């Protein structure tokens, strides 16, 4: 993948967290780091090593559902 970013994480409760203070590490497009952008994640379910999430943000009306795989 051609995109990497680092965020600060703020846990709201056991199933919700916010990602703030984006710092772009690697990108194919000229994206900048942004301290005002906030991603909000809701953990929908966990099945074995997979975590199913719903993501929203303060910079887009789009809401996405995705899955992550735990690697550690």
PDB file of N, CA and C in Angstrom:
ATOM      1  N   UNK A   1       0.840  -1.172   0.000  1.00  0.00           N
ATOM      2  CA  UNK A   1       0.000   0.000   0.000  1.00  0.00           C
ATOM      3  C   UNK A   1       0.886   1.236   0.000  1.00  0.00           C
ATOM      4  N   UNK A   2       0.485   2.272  -0.680  1.00  0.00           N
ATOM      5  CA  UNK A   2       1.314   3.455  -0.815  1.00  0.00           C
ATOM      6  C   UNK A   2       0.990   4.569   0.147  1.00  0.00           C
ATOM      7  N   UNK A   3       0.310   4.274   1.257  1.00  0.00           N
ATOM      8  CA  UNK A   3      -0.056   5.316   2.208  1.00  0.00           C
ATOM      9  C   UNK A   3       0.182   4.838   3.632  1.00  0.00           C
ATOM     10  N   UNK A   4       0.849   5.672   4.409  1.00  0.00           N
ATOM     11  CA  UNK A   4       1.063   5.388   5.827  1.00  0.00           C
ATOM     12  C   UNK A   4       0.873   6.683   6.598  1.00  0.00           C
ATOM     13  N   UNK A   5       0.171   6.592   7.710  1.00  0.00           N
ATOM     14  CA  UNK A   5      -0.019   7.758   8.575  1.00  0.00           C
ATOM     15  C   UNK A   5       0.060   7.317  10.026  1.00  0.00           C
ATOM     16  N   UNK A   6       0.381   8.255  10.880  1.00  0.00           N
ATOM     17  CA  UNK A   6       0.428   8.007  12.317  1.00  0.00           C
ATOM     18  C   UNK A   6      -0.584   8.944  12.975  1.00  0.00           C
ATOM     19  N   UNK A   7      -1.314   8.423  13.964  1.00  0.00           N
ATOM     20  CA  UNK A   7      -2.330   9.192  14.680  1.00  0.00           C
ATOM     21  C   UNK A   7      -2.129   9.045  16.181  1.00  0.00           C
ATOM     22  N   UNK A   8      -2.667  10.004  16.924  1.00  0.00           N
ATOM     23  CA  UNK A   8      -2.846   9.842  18.366  1.00  0.00           C
ATOM     24  C   UNK A   8      -4.201   9.183  18.558  1.00  0.00           C
ATOM     25  N   UNK A   9      -4.305   8.271  19.520  1.00  0.00           N
ATOM     26  CA  UNK A   9      -5.566   7.575  19.762  1.00  0.00           C
ATOM     27  C   UNK A   9      -6.136   8.003  21.109  1.00  0.00           C
ATOM     28  N   UNK A  10      -7.436   8.242  21.121  1.00  0.00           N
ATOM     29  CA  UNK A  10      -8.151   8.598  22.349  1.00  0.00           C
ATOM     30  C   UNK A  10      -9.327   7.638  22.490  1.00  0.00           C
ATOM     31  N   UNK A  11      -9.271   6.763  23.492  1.00  0.00           N
ATOM     32  CA  UNK A  11     -10.351   5.808  23.727  1.00  0.00           C
ATOM     33  C   UNK A  11     -11.504   6.510  24.422  1.00  0.00           C
ATOM     34  N   UNK A  12     -12.711   6.351  23.878  1.00  0.00           N
ATOM     35  CA  UNK A  12     -13.924   6.922  24.453  1.00  0.00           C
ATOM     36  C   UNK A  12     -14.551   5.911  25.415  1.00  0.00           C
ATOM     37  N   UNK A  13     -14.650   4.667  24.966  1.00  0.00           N
ATOM     38  CA  UNK A  13     -15.113   3.549  25.788  1.00  0.00           C
ATOM     39  C   UNK A  13     -14.554   2.275  25.165  1.00  0.00           C
ATOM     40  N   UNK A  14     -15.048   1.124  25.576  1.00  0.00           N
ATOM     41  CA  UNK A  14     -14.484  -0.144  25.088  1.00  0.00           C
ATOM     42  C   UNK A  14     -14.658  -0.367  23.586  1.00  0.00           C
ATOM     43  N   UNK A  15     -15.627   0.288  22.968  1.00  0.00           N
ATOM     44  CA  UNK A  15     -15.922   0.046  21.547  1.00  0.00           C
ATOM     45  C   UNK A  15     -15.770   1.273  20.653  1.00  0.00           C
ATOM     46  N   UNK A  16     -15.377   2.407  21.194  1.00  0.00           N
ATOM     47  CA  UNK A  16     -15.249   3.638  20.407  1.00  0.00           C
ATOM     48  C   UNK A  16     -13.916   4.324  20.700  1.00  0.00           C
ATOM     49  N   UNK A  17     -13.278   4.801  19.640  1.00  0.00           N
ATOM     50  CA  UNK A  17     -12.065   5.590  19.825  1.00  0.00           C
ATOM     51  C   UNK A  17     -11.952   6.632  18.732  1.00  0.00           C
ATOM     52  N   UNK A  18     -11.150   7.653  18.986  1.00  0.00           N
ATOM     53  CA  UNK A  18     -10.890   8.708  18.017  1.00  0.00           C
ATOM     54  C   UNK A  18      -9.414   8.674  17.639  1.00  0.00           C
ATOM     55  N   UNK A  19      -9.158   8.943  16.366  1.00  0.00           N
ATOM     56  CA  UNK A  19      -7.797   9.092  15.867  1.00  0.00           C
ATOM     57  C   UNK A  19      -7.612  10.561  15.505  1.00  0.00           C
ATOM     58  N   UNK A  20      -6.595  11.198  16.108  1.00  0.00           N
ATOM     59  CA  UNK A  20      -6.375  12.632  15.930  1.00  0.00           C
ATOM     60  C   UNK A  20      -4.927  12.902  15.554  1.00  0.00           C
ATOM     61  N   UNK A  21      -4.666  14.142  15.141  1.00  0.00           N
ATOM     62  CA  UNK A  21      -3.308  14.627  14.857  1.00  0.00           C
ATOM     63  C   UNK A  21      -2.593  13.770  13.812  1.00  0.00           C
ATOM     64  N   UNK A  22      -3.237  13.632  12.646  1.00  0.00           N
ATOM     65  CA  UNK A  22      -2.652  12.809  11.581  1.00  0.00           C
ATOM     66  C   UNK A  22      -1.294  13.343  11.148  1.00  0.00           C
ATOM     67  N   UNK A  23      -0.338  12.447  11.058  1.00  0.00           N
ATOM     68  CA  UNK A  23       0.972  12.763  10.504  1.00  0.00           C
ATOM     69  C   UNK A  23       1.228  11.786   9.376  1.00  0.00           C
ATOM     70  N   UNK A  24       1.269  12.292   8.148  1.00  0.00           N
ATOM     71  CA  UNK A  24       1.495  11.447   6.981  1.00  0.00           C
ATOM     72  C   UNK A  24       2.960  11.037   6.952  1.00  0.00           C
ATOM     73  N   UNK A  25       3.186   9.735   6.900  1.00  0.00           N
ATOM     74  CA  UNK A  25       4.534   9.173   6.856  1.00  0.00           C
ATOM     75  C   UNK A  25       4.941   8.893   5.409  1.00  0.00           C
ATOM     76  N   UNK A  26       3.992   8.356   4.617  1.00  0.00           N
ATOM     77  CA  UNK A  26       4.266   7.984   3.226  1.00  0.00           C
ATOM     78  C   UNK A  26       2.979   8.147   2.431  1.00  0.00           C
ATOM     79  N   UNK A  27       3.058   8.802   1.270  1.00  0.00           N
ATOM     80  CA  UNK A  27       1.878   8.984   0.439  1.00  0.00           C
ATOM     81  C   UNK A  27       2.286   9.192  -1.009  1.00  0.00           C
ATOM     82  N   UNK A  28       1.497   8.629  -1.921  1.00  0.00           N
ATOM     83  CA  UNK A  28       1.737   8.833  -3.348  1.00  0.00           C
ATOM     84  C   UNK A  28       1.151  10.156  -3.823  1.00  0.00           C
ATOM     85  N   UNK A  29       0.208  10.717  -3.059  1.00  0.00           N
ATOM     86  CA  UNK A  29      -0.378  12.008  -3.392  1.00  0.00           C
ATOM     87  C   UNK A  29       0.120  13.047  -2.387  1.00  0.00           C
ATOM     88  N   UNK A  30      -0.005  14.311  -2.724  1.00  0.00           N
ATOM     89  CA  UNK A  30       0.539  15.354  -1.839  1.00  0.00           C
ATOM     90  C   UNK A  30      -0.355  15.653  -0.637  1.00  0.00           C
ATOM     91  N   UNK A  31      -0.666  14.643   0.152  1.00  0.00           N
ATOM     92  CA  UNK A  31      -1.478  14.848   1.352  1.00  0.00           C
ATOM     93  C   UNK A  31      -0.599  15.419   2.450  1.00  0.00           C
ATOM     94  N   UNK A  32      -1.214  16.249   3.265  1.00  0.00           N
ATOM     95  CA  UNK A  32      -0.475  16.870   4.348  1.00  0.00           C
ATOM     96  C   UNK A  32      -0.928  16.314   5.682  1.00  0.00           C
ATOM     97  N   UNK A  33      -0.084  16.471   6.662  1.00  0.00           N
ATOM     98  CA  UNK A  33      -0.477  16.159   8.018  1.00  0.00           C
ATOM     99  C   UNK A  33      -1.511  17.185   8.462  1.00  0.00           C
ATOM    100  N   UNK A  34      -2.441  16.775   9.313  1.00  0.00           N
ATOM    101  CA  UNK A  34      -3.508  17.680   9.726  1.00  0.00           C
ATOM    102  C   UNK A  34      -3.894  17.405  11.171  1.00  0.00           C
ATOM    103  N   UNK A  35      -3.775  18.422  12.002  1.00  0.00           N
ATOM    104  CA  UNK A  35      -4.103  18.227  13.405  1.00  0.00           C
ATOM    105  C   UNK A  35      -5.595  18.357  13.670  1.00  0.00           C
ATOM    106  N   UNK A  36      -6.362  19.004  12.787  1.00  0.00           N
ATOM    107  CA  UNK A  36      -7.786  19.209  13.015  1.00  0.00           C
ATOM    108  C   UNK A  36      -8.672  18.061  12.571  1.00  0.00           C
ATOM    109  N   UNK A  37      -8.121  17.117  11.812  1.00  0.00           N
ATOM    110  CA  UNK A  37      -8.917  15.994  11.330  1.00  0.00           C
ATOM    111  C   UNK A  37      -9.093  14.959  12.435  1.00  0.00           C
ATOM    112  N   UNK A  38     -10.335  14.456  12.563  1.00  0.00           N
ATOM    113  CA  UNK A  38     -10.624  13.439  13.570  1.00  0.00           C
ATOM    114  C   UNK A  38     -11.373  12.289  12.904  1.00  0.00           C
ATOM    115  N   UNK A  39     -10.852  11.087  13.042  1.00  0.00           N
ATOM    116  CA  UNK A  39     -11.554   9.869  12.632  1.00  0.00           C
ATOM    117  C   UNK A  39     -12.168   9.245  13.873  1.00  0.00           C
ATOM    118  N   UNK A  40     -13.403   8.771  13.746  1.00  0.00           N
ATOM    119  CA  UNK A  40     -14.079   8.105  14.854  1.00  0.00           C
ATOM    120  C   UNK A  40     -14.339   6.663  14.444  1.00  0.00           C
ATOM    121  N   UNK A  41     -13.881   5.729  15.256  1.00  0.00           N
ATOM    122  CA  UNK A  41     -14.047   4.303  14.973  1.00  0.00           C
ATOM    123  C   UNK A  41     -14.977   3.682  15.998  1.00  0.00           C
ATOM    124  N   UNK A  42     -15.886   2.857  15.492  1.00  0.00           N
ATOM    125  CA  UNK A  42     -16.766   2.067  16.347  1.00  0.00           C
ATOM    126  C   UNK A  42     -16.486   0.601  16.066  1.00  0.00           C
ATOM    127  N   UNK A  43     -16.096  -0.148  17.074  1.00  0.00           N
ATOM    128  CA  UNK A  43     -15.850  -1.577  16.912  1.00  0.00           C
ATOM    129  C   UNK A  43     -17.202  -2.283  16.933  1.00  0.00           C
ATOM    130  N   UNK A  44     -17.535  -2.939  15.814  1.00  0.00           N
ATOM    131  CA  UNK A  44     -18.826  -3.608  15.684  1.00  0.00           C
ATOM    132  C   UNK A  44     -18.792  -5.022  16.235  1.00  0.00           C
ATOM    133  N   UNK A  45     -17.708  -5.743  15.915  1.00  0.00           N
ATOM    134  CA  UNK A  45     -17.548  -7.102  16.444  1.00  0.00           C
ATOM    135  C   UNK A  45     -16.115  -7.540  16.246  1.00  0.00           C
ATOM    136  N   UNK A  46     -15.738  -8.540  17.017  1.00  0.00           N
ATOM    137  CA  UNK A  46     -14.414  -9.143  16.923  1.00  0.00           C
ATOM    138  C   UNK A  46     -14.619 -10.637  16.715  1.00  0.00           C
ATOM    139  N   UNK A  47     -14.022 -11.173  15.655  1.00  0.00           N
ATOM    140  CA  UNK A  47     -14.109 -12.596  15.351  1.00  0.00           C
ATOM    141  C   UNK A  47     -12.689 -13.104  15.132  1.00  0.00           C
ATOM    142  N   UNK A  48     -12.218 -13.894  16.091  1.00  0.00           N
ATOM    143  CA  UNK A  48     -10.840 -14.401  16.064  1.00  0.00           C
ATOM    144  C   UNK A  48      -9.874 -13.231  15.934  1.00  0.00           C
ATOM    145  N   UNK A  49      -9.075 -13.177  14.874  1.00  0.00           N
ATOM    146  CA  UNK A  49      -8.105 -12.093  14.702  1.00  0.00           C
ATOM    147  C   UNK A  49      -8.656 -10.908  13.910  1.00  0.00           C
ATOM    148  N   UNK A  50      -9.927 -10.931  13.508  1.00  0.00           N
ATOM    149  CA  UNK A  50     -10.517  -9.852  12.716  1.00  0.00           C
ATOM    150  C   UNK A  50     -11.359  -8.920  13.586  1.00  0.00           C
ATOM    151  N   UNK A  51     -11.197  -7.622  13.330  1.00  0.00           N
ATOM    152  CA  UNK A  51     -11.979  -6.594  14.011  1.00  0.00           C
ATOM    153  C   UNK A  51     -12.784  -5.854  12.954  1.00  0.00           C
ATOM    154  N   UNK A  52     -14.098  -5.818  13.115  1.00  0.00           N
ATOM    155  CA  UNK A  52     -14.995  -5.147  12.165  1.00  0.00           C
ATOM    156  C   UNK A  52     -15.339  -3.768  12.716  1.00  0.00           C
ATOM    157  N   UNK A  53     -15.157  -2.740  11.880  1.00  0.00           N
ATOM    158  CA  UNK A  53     -15.270  -1.352  12.310  1.00  0.00           C
ATOM    159  C   UNK A  53     -16.226  -0.551  11.440  1.00  0.00           C
ATOM    160  N   UNK A  54     -16.768   0.504  12.024  1.00  0.00           N
ATOM    161  CA  UNK A  54     -17.474   1.553  11.276  1.00  0.00           C
ATOM    162  C   UNK A  54     -16.690   2.837  11.528  1.00  0.00           C
ATOM    163  N   UNK A  55     -16.295   3.523  10.453  1.00  0.00           N
ATOM    164  CA  UNK A  55     -15.481   4.728  10.541  1.00  0.00           C
ATOM    165  C   UNK A  55     -16.235   5.940  10.035  1.00  0.00           C
ATOM    166  N   UNK A  56     -16.127   7.038  10.758  1.00  0.00           N
ATOM    167  CA  UNK A  56     -16.656   8.325  10.314  1.00  0.00           C
ATOM    168  C   UNK A  56     -15.599   9.381  10.629  1.00  0.00           C
ATOM    169  N   UNK A  57     -15.840  10.616  10.184  1.00  0.00           N
ATOM    170  CA  UNK A  57     -14.842  11.665  10.405  1.00  0.00           C
ATOM    171  C   UNK A  57     -15.509  13.033  10.452  1.00  0.00           C
ATOM    172  N   UNK A  58     -14.714  14.024  10.823  1.00  0.00           N
ATOM    173  CA  UNK A  58     -15.200  15.396  10.818  1.00  0.00           C
ATOM    174  C   UNK A  58     -14.866  16.120   9.515  1.00  0.00           C
ATOM    175  N   UNK A  59     -14.294  15.410   8.528  1.00  0.00           N
ATOM    176  CA  UNK A  59     -13.928  16.058   7.268  1.00  0.00           C
ATOM    177  C   UNK A  59     -14.618  15.437   6.054  1.00  0.00           C
ATOM    178  N   UNK A  60     -15.544  14.500   6.283  1.00  0.00           N
ATOM    179  CA  UNK A  60     -16.275  13.866   5.193  1.00  0.00           C
ATOM    180  C   UNK A  60     -17.607  13.345   5.720  1.00  0.00           C
ATOM    181  N   UNK A  61     -18.617  13.336   4.843  1.00  0.00           N
ATOM    182  CA  UNK A  61     -19.912  12.766   5.210  1.00  0.00           C
ATOM    183  C   UNK A  61     -19.938  11.246   5.036  1.00  0.00           C
ATOM    184  N   UNK A  62     -18.913  10.710   4.408  1.00  0.00           N
ATOM    185  CA  UNK A  62     -18.857   9.271   4.131  1.00  0.00           C
ATOM    186  C   UNK A  62     -18.665   8.471   5.424  1.00  0.00           C
ATOM    187  N   UNK A  63     -19.385   7.369   5.537  1.00  0.00           N
ATOM    188  CA  UNK A  63     -19.220   6.424   6.634  1.00  0.00           C
ATOM    189  C   UNK A  63     -18.827   5.088   6.016  1.00  0.00           C
ATOM    190  N   UNK A  64     -17.732   4.522   6.498  1.00  0.00           N
ATOM    191  CA  UNK A  64     -17.220   3.290   5.910  1.00  0.00           C
ATOM    192  C   UNK A  64     -17.259   2.164   6.929  1.00  0.00           C
ATOM    193  N   UNK A  65     -17.476   0.959   6.443  1.00  0.00           N
ATOM    194  CA  UNK A  65     -17.319  -0.230   7.268  1.00  0.00           C
ATOM    195  C   UNK A  65     -16.145  -1.009   6.709  1.00  0.00           C
ATOM    196  N   UNK A  66     -15.294  -1.479   7.597  1.00  0.00           N
ATOM    197  CA  UNK A  66     -14.087  -2.180   7.157  1.00  0.00           C
ATOM    198  C   UNK A  66     -13.705  -3.224   8.198  1.00  0.00           C
ATOM    199  N   UNK A  67     -12.674  -3.979   7.883  1.00  0.00           N
ATOM    200  CA  UNK A  67     -12.152  -4.940   8.839  1.00  0.00           C
ATOM    201  C   UNK A  67     -10.648  -4.789   8.938  1.00  0.00           C
ATOM    202  N   UNK A  68     -10.147  -5.015  10.132  1.00  0.00           N
ATOM    203  CA  UNK A  68      -8.713  -5.021  10.391  1.00  0.00           C
ATOM    204  C   UNK A  68      -8.331  -6.402  10.873  1.00  0.00           C
ATOM    205  N   UNK A  69      -7.097  -6.768  10.637  1.00  0.00           N
ATOM    206  CA  UNK A  69      -6.592  -8.049  11.123  1.00  0.00           C
ATOM    207  C   UNK A  69      -5.519  -7.745  12.167  1.00  0.00           C
ATOM    208  N   UNK A  70      -5.682  -8.323  13.357  1.00  0.00           N
ATOM    209  CA  UNK A  70      -4.695  -8.144  14.424  1.00  0.00           C
ATOM    210  C   UNK A  70      -3.414  -8.870  14.012  1.00  0.00           C
ATOM    211  N   UNK A  71      -2.289  -8.189  14.134  1.00  0.00           N
ATOM    212  CA  UNK A  71      -1.018  -8.817  13.786  1.00  0.00           C
ATOM    213  C   UNK A  71      -0.138  -9.061  14.993  1.00  0.00           C
ATOM    214  N   UNK A  72      -0.492  -8.562  16.157  1.00  0.00           N
ATOM    215  CA  UNK A  72       0.285  -8.807  17.377  1.00  0.00           C
ATOM    216  C   UNK A  72      -0.608  -9.310  18.448  1.00  0.00           C
TER     217      UNK A  72
END
